[in-house]
Amino acid sequence: MDVQGGDMCGIILPNGRDCQGAVAPDSPLNLCAEHIRAAAVLAEMLELEPVPTAQPACPVCGYDGSVLPEKYSDHEQNHAPLVYYLRFGDRIKIGTTTNLERRLVVIPHDELLATEPGSFSVEHHRHRQFANLRLTGEWFTAAPQLLTFVESIRA
């Protein structure tokens, strides 16, 4: 995933392909300049503030063990927190939500594979459990190991 010796942007485009933008060497995020600008505009529109951290964040998913303030969760809580598994091509996203319906509208995907009860701590555990399959962010290779696990929680 290199672009002339540097990392590629971690964004998956709506067509399922990786963004081909290069990550700036000093960027704190795995995003190209265009997507950093887009994220900044979105954060400003939503009036987001940085999430306070109680301990060093996980290098895998960024979870710091704290409970996120309500403004960082889904806008409308429709159900108890759950961890979801979305397939998009040969990738699987492992995420958490209290508003699955909204997530399914916002995140590009081909299929909702499964859900399991749980919040950030369960999501964090799954990210660590499948760290060897991580592509970028919360996206993982749809390898047999992960697919077998997803099938086991679907049953």
Protein backbone atom coordinates (compact mmCIF):
# COMPACT_ATOMS: atom_id res chain seq x y z
CA MET A 1 0.00 0.00 0.00
CA ASP A 2 2.77 2.42 -0.79
CA VAL A 3 2.66 5.48 -3.01
CA GLN A 4 6.24 6.17 -4.10
CA GLY A 5 7.62 5.12 -0.73
CA GLY A 6 4.79 6.63 1.36
CA ASP A 7 1.52 5.33 2.71
CA MET A 8 -1.75 5.53 0.80
CA CYS A 9 -4.82 7.25 2.18
CA GLY A 10 -6.92 4.92 4.33
CA ILE A 11 -10.25 5.99 2.80
CA ILE A 12 -12.33 3.46 0.88
CA LEU A 13 -14.21 5.26 -1.87
CA PRO A 14 -17.91 4.59 -2.59
CA ASN A 15 -16.87 2.48 -5.60
CA GLY A 16 -14.98 0.12 -3.24
CA ARG A 17 -11.51 1.19 -4.32
CA ASP A 18 -8.83 2.68 -2.09
CA CYS A 19 -8.15 6.39 -2.37
CA GLN A 20 -4.89 6.78 -4.27
CA GLY A 21 -3.83 9.95 -2.45
CA ALA A 22 -0.52 9.91 -0.61
CA VAL A 23 -0.40 10.49 3.14
CA ALA A 24 1.78 13.45 4.07
CA PRO A 25 4.89 12.30 6.01
CA ASP A 26 3.96 14.41 9.05
CA SER A 27 0.22 13.62 9.02
CA PRO A 28 -1.18 12.28 12.31
CA LEU A 29 -3.88 10.45 10.33
CA ASN A 30 -3.71 7.88 7.56
CA LEU A 31 -5.47 10.32 5.19
CA CYS A 32 -4.47 12.28 2.10
CA ALA A 33 -4.66 16.08 2.18
CA GLU A 34 -8.07 16.08 0.43
CA HIS A 35 -9.63 13.75 3.00
CA ILE A 36 -8.04 15.59 5.93
CA ARG A 37 -9.66 18.79 4.63
CA ALA A 38 -13.00 17.00 4.24
CA ALA A 39 -12.77 15.63 7.79
CA ALA A 40 -11.95 19.09 9.15
CA VAL A 41 -14.93 20.62 7.34
CA LEU A 42 -17.21 17.88 8.67
CA ALA A 43 -15.89 18.27 12.23
CA GLU A 44 -16.51 22.02 12.01
CA MET A 45 -20.02 21.50 10.63
CA LEU A 46 -20.83 19.09 13.47
CA GLU A 47 -19.10 21.36 16.00
CA LEU A 48 -16.98 18.46 17.24
CA GLU A 49 -14.31 18.88 19.83
CA PRO A 50 -11.42 16.45 20.34
CA VAL A 51 -12.40 13.39 22.35
CA PRO A 52 -10.70 13.60 25.77
CA THR A 53 -8.48 10.61 26.51
CA ALA A 54 -8.04 9.07 29.94
CA GLN A 55 -5.14 6.82 28.94
CA PRO A 56 -2.95 6.25 25.88
CA ALA A 57 -5.11 5.27 22.93
CA CYS A 58 -4.85 1.81 21.39
CA PRO A 59 -2.52 1.93 18.36
CA VAL A 60 -4.92 -0.41 16.55
CA CYS A 61 -8.28 1.36 16.83
CA GLY A 62 -7.67 4.46 18.94
CA TYR A 63 -9.97 3.34 21.79
CA ASP A 64 -8.72 4.73 25.10
CA GLY A 65 -10.98 2.84 27.50
CA SER A 66 -13.21 5.80 28.27
CA VAL A 67 -16.90 6.14 27.62
CA LEU A 68 -17.43 8.58 24.79
CA PRO A 69 -19.62 11.61 25.47
CA GLU A 70 -23.08 11.34 23.90
CA LYS A 71 -22.19 13.87 21.19
CA TYR A 72 -19.66 11.38 19.76
CA SER A 73 -22.11 8.51 19.53
CA ASP A 74 -24.87 8.13 16.97
CA HIS A 75 -27.23 11.11 17.13
CA GLU A 76 -30.30 9.05 17.97
CA GLN A 77 -29.94 6.00 20.16
CA ASN A 78 -32.38 3.45 18.75
CA HIS A 79 -31.13 0.37 20.63
CA ALA A 80 -28.54 -0.90 23.07
CA PRO A 81 -24.94 -0.68 21.82
CA LEU A 82 -23.93 -3.42 19.44
CA VAL A 83 -20.90 -4.39 17.38
CA TYR A 84 -21.63 -4.84 13.68
CA TYR A 85 -19.80 -6.61 10.86
CA LEU A 86 -20.29 -5.14 7.37
CA ARG A 87 -18.91 -6.73 4.21
CA PHE A 88 -17.84 -4.49 1.34
CA GLY A 89 -16.16 -6.46 -1.41
CA ASP A 90 -13.35 -8.46 0.15
CA ARG A 91 -13.31 -6.33 3.32
CA ILE A 92 -15.17 -6.41 6.61
CA LYS A 93 -15.78 -3.40 8.83
CA ILE A 94 -16.00 -4.04 12.56
CA GLY A 95 -17.74 -1.12 14.25
CA THR A 96 -20.10 -0.23 17.07
CA THR A 97 -23.33 1.75 17.12
CA THR A 98 -26.55 2.51 18.95
CA ASN A 99 -28.25 3.33 15.64
CA LEU A 100 -27.60 0.54 13.14
CA GLU A 101 -30.18 1.85 10.67
CA ARG A 102 -28.27 5.15 10.39
CA ARG A 103 -24.92 3.36 10.04
CA LEU A 104 -26.23 1.23 7.19
CA VAL A 105 -27.21 4.40 5.31
CA VAL A 106 -23.88 6.16 5.89
CA ILE A 107 -21.29 3.39 5.42
CA PRO A 108 -20.79 1.82 1.98
CA HIS A 109 -21.37 -1.93 2.21
CA ASP A 110 -22.64 -4.97 0.32
CA GLU A 111 -24.01 -6.93 3.25
CA LEU A 112 -24.61 -6.78 6.98
CA LEU A 113 -23.00 -10.05 8.08
CA ALA A 114 -23.82 -10.07 11.79
CA THR A 115 -24.19 -8.10 15.00
CA GLU A 116 -23.38 -8.90 18.60
CA PRO A 117 -24.24 -7.10 21.84
CA GLY A 118 -21.49 -4.78 23.00
CA SER A 119 -20.00 -1.33 22.93
CA PHE A 120 -16.52 0.13 22.49
CA SER A 121 -14.83 -2.42 24.73
CA VAL A 122 -16.14 -5.37 22.66
CA GLU A 123 -15.29 -3.57 19.41
CA HIS A 124 -11.78 -2.87 20.74
CA HIS A 125 -11.38 -6.54 21.69
CA ARG A 126 -12.45 -7.65 18.19
CA HIS A 127 -10.01 -5.18 16.59
CA ARG A 128 -7.20 -6.72 18.65
CA GLN A 129 -8.45 -10.27 18.02
CA PHE A 130 -8.25 -9.76 14.25
CA ALA A 131 -5.35 -7.26 14.16
CA ASN A 132 -3.40 -9.52 11.80
CA LEU A 133 -6.18 -9.01 9.19
CA ARG A 134 -6.39 -5.19 9.52
CA LEU A 135 -6.30 -3.26 6.26
CA THR A 136 -6.89 0.24 7.60
CA GLY A 137 -8.91 1.79 10.40
CA GLU A 138 -11.84 -0.51 11.18
CA TRP A 139 -11.57 -2.46 7.91
CA PHE A 140 -10.24 -6.02 7.85
CA THR A 141 -9.55 -8.65 5.16
CA ALA A 142 -12.50 -11.02 4.79
CA ALA A 143 -10.28 -14.00 5.60
CA PRO A 144 -11.63 -17.43 6.61
CA GLN A 145 -10.64 -16.78 10.26
CA LEU A 146 -12.87 -13.70 10.47
CA LEU A 147 -15.68 -15.14 8.34
CA THR A 148 -15.83 -18.25 10.56
CA PHE A 149 -16.07 -16.08 13.65
CA VAL A 150 -18.81 -13.92 12.10
CA GLU A 151 -20.75 -17.06 11.16
CA SER A 152 -20.46 -18.33 14.76
CA ILE A 153 -22.05 -15.18 16.21
CA ARG A 154 -24.73 -15.13 13.52
CA ALA A 155 -25.97 -18.59 14.49
